[in-house]
Amino acid sequence: MRLFSAVPFTLITFLTYIGLAFTAGAANPGLWADPVITVAMVSGATFQLLVSDLLITAGLFFLFIEIMKATRIGTTALMDHMLSVLVFIAYLVAFLVLPQAATSLFFILMAISLIDVIAGFSISITGARRDVSFGHGDGH
């Protein structure tokens, strides 16, 4: 169970994007612009939640969870940070190498992953700084 808690949730959006891009997206290149939900608003306007919007929203939700996880200390937190770096590297390599990943949606998901890495280390360093106690000058 400990290992599962160290797995970055940003990996879910990465795997979802890659899975959709190579299966449904291969047959339907406009997949990301397909509406998931369409709602008639009171104002008379029509609200559409697109597949791309849903994936970005999921990425932001997972980023929130990752930031909350970054407040932990210990070996599990260290493993989580290392795996977050690997997820970001996977995003970066896919963005540079795979034509299916050369989209603004994938770039935004990659930026969310980068924020996860930076925030995770920043929060951990700040928390560790507070946990370190120095001598109080009492001569002992």
Protein backbone atom coordinates (compact mmCIF):
# COMPACT_ATOMS: atom_id res chain seq x y z
CA MET A 1 0.00 0.00 0.00
CA ARG A 2 2.92 2.33 0.71
CA LEU A 3 4.25 1.97 -2.82
CA PHE A 4 0.82 2.80 -4.25
CA SER A 5 0.72 6.05 -2.25
CA ALA A 6 4.06 7.02 -3.77
CA VAL A 7 2.80 6.73 -7.36
CA PRO A 8 2.14 10.22 -8.77
CA PHE A 9 -1.45 10.79 -9.83
CA THR A 10 -0.22 12.88 -12.76
CA LEU A 11 0.68 9.52 -14.30
CA ILE A 12 -3.06 8.87 -14.74
CA THR A 13 -3.53 11.82 -17.10
CA PHE A 14 -0.38 10.84 -19.01
CA LEU A 15 -1.59 7.26 -19.51
CA THR A 16 -5.12 8.44 -20.35
CA TYR A 17 -3.84 10.83 -23.01
CA ILE A 18 -1.45 8.29 -24.54
CA GLY A 19 -4.10 5.57 -24.42
CA LEU A 20 -6.71 7.73 -26.13
CA ALA A 21 -4.25 9.21 -28.64
CA PHE A 22 -3.14 5.79 -29.87
CA THR A 23 -6.57 4.12 -29.88
CA ALA A 24 -9.63 6.36 -30.34
CA GLY A 25 -7.51 9.35 -31.40
CA ALA A 26 -5.93 7.39 -34.22
CA ALA A 27 -9.35 6.85 -35.77
CA ASN A 28 -10.68 10.29 -34.80
CA PRO A 29 -7.99 13.03 -34.90
CA GLY A 30 -10.50 15.60 -33.59
CA LEU A 31 -11.16 13.51 -30.48
CA TRP A 32 -9.98 16.23 -28.09
CA ALA A 33 -12.64 18.65 -29.39
CA ASP A 34 -15.51 16.18 -28.95
CA PRO A 35 -18.06 17.29 -26.35
CA VAL A 36 -18.47 15.06 -23.29
CA ILE A 37 -21.33 17.05 -21.78
CA THR A 38 -23.61 19.63 -23.38
CA VAL A 39 -25.87 21.67 -21.10
CA ALA A 40 -28.38 24.37 -22.04
CA MET A 41 -27.79 27.23 -19.61
CA VAL A 42 -30.47 29.52 -18.14
CA SER A 43 -28.93 32.40 -20.09
CA GLY A 44 -29.73 30.62 -23.34
CA ALA A 45 -26.10 29.79 -24.04
CA THR A 46 -24.93 26.22 -24.50
CA PHE A 47 -22.12 24.94 -22.29
CA GLN A 48 -19.94 22.18 -23.73
CA LEU A 49 -17.30 20.31 -21.76
CA LEU A 50 -14.83 18.92 -24.28
CA VAL A 51 -12.63 15.85 -23.87
CA SER A 52 -9.59 18.14 -23.67
CA ASP A 53 -11.24 20.30 -20.98
CA LEU A 54 -12.10 17.22 -18.96
CA LEU A 55 -8.51 15.95 -19.15
CA ILE A 56 -7.09 19.33 -18.07
CA THR A 57 -9.57 19.46 -15.18
CA ALA A 58 -8.53 15.96 -14.12
CA GLY A 59 -4.87 17.03 -14.35
CA LEU A 60 -5.52 20.03 -12.09
CA PHE A 61 -7.40 17.85 -9.60
CA PHE A 62 -4.50 15.38 -9.53
CA LEU A 63 -2.06 18.28 -9.11
CA PHE A 64 -4.00 19.34 -6.01
CA ILE A 65 -3.71 15.81 -4.61
CA GLU A 66 0.02 15.76 -5.38
CA ILE A 67 0.54 19.06 -3.60
CA MET A 68 -1.27 17.68 -0.56
CA LYS A 69 0.91 14.56 -0.72
CA ALA A 70 4.03 16.76 -0.84
CA THR A 71 3.41 17.84 2.75
CA ARG A 72 4.34 14.35 3.98
CA ILE A 73 7.82 13.50 5.15
CA GLY A 74 9.74 10.25 5.01
CA THR A 75 10.92 7.75 2.44
CA THR A 76 7.51 7.46 0.77
CA ALA A 77 7.52 11.20 0.08
CA LEU A 78 11.03 10.97 -1.37
CA MET A 79 9.96 8.10 -3.60
CA ASP A 80 6.92 10.13 -4.69
CA HIS A 81 9.14 13.07 -5.70
CA MET A 82 11.49 10.83 -7.66
CA LEU A 83 8.59 9.19 -9.48
CA SER A 84 7.08 12.63 -10.22
CA VAL A 85 10.35 13.59 -11.91
CA LEU A 86 10.18 10.38 -13.99
CA VAL A 87 6.58 11.17 -15.00
CA PHE A 88 7.66 14.66 -16.10
CA ILE A 89 10.55 13.16 -18.09
CA ALA A 90 8.08 10.76 -19.75
CA TYR A 91 5.89 13.75 -20.65
CA LEU A 92 8.87 15.65 -22.06
CA VAL A 93 10.17 12.73 -24.11
CA ALA A 94 6.71 11.96 -25.48
CA PHE A 95 6.17 15.64 -26.33
CA LEU A 96 9.45 15.79 -28.24
CA VAL A 97 9.25 12.39 -29.95
CA LEU A 98 5.61 11.40 -30.54
CA PRO A 99 3.58 13.28 -33.16
CA GLN A 100 0.39 12.42 -31.22
CA ALA A 101 1.78 14.31 -28.20
CA ALA A 102 2.60 17.51 -30.07
CA THR A 103 -0.62 19.25 -29.02
CA SER A 104 -1.43 22.16 -26.76
CA LEU A 105 -3.44 19.81 -24.53
CA PHE A 106 -0.43 17.58 -23.97
CA PHE A 107 1.76 20.63 -23.37
CA ILE A 108 -0.62 21.87 -20.65
CA LEU A 109 -0.63 18.43 -19.01
CA MET A 110 3.17 18.43 -19.17
CA ALA A 111 3.23 21.88 -17.51
CA ILE A 112 0.97 20.52 -14.74
CA SER A 113 3.46 17.69 -14.25
CA LEU A 114 6.34 20.19 -14.08
CA ILE A 115 4.47 22.24 -11.47
CA ASP A 116 3.99 19.00 -9.50
CA VAL A 117 7.75 18.40 -9.51
CA ILE A 118 8.66 21.97 -8.54
CA ALA A 119 5.93 22.30 -5.89
CA GLY A 120 6.73 18.88 -4.43
CA PHE A 121 10.38 19.68 -3.89
CA SER A 122 9.67 23.23 -2.72
CA ILE A 123 7.08 22.16 -0.16
CA SER A 124 9.27 19.31 1.09
CA ILE A 125 12.32 21.55 1.47
CA THR A 126 10.27 24.18 3.32
CA GLY A 127 8.81 21.54 5.61
CA ALA A 128 12.20 19.95 6.25
CA ARG A 129 13.69 23.34 7.09
CA ARG A 130 11.09 23.76 9.82
CA ASP A 131 11.79 20.28 11.21
CA VAL A 132 15.51 20.94 11.61
CA SER A 133 16.32 22.34 15.04
CA PHE A 134 19.53 24.06 15.83
CA GLY A 135 21.22 24.60 19.19
CA HIS A 136 19.70 27.32 21.31
CA GLY A 137 23.01 28.72 22.43
CA ASP A 138 22.84 27.23 25.91
CA GLY A 139 26.29 25.71 25.61
CA HIS A 140 25.28 22.05 25.49
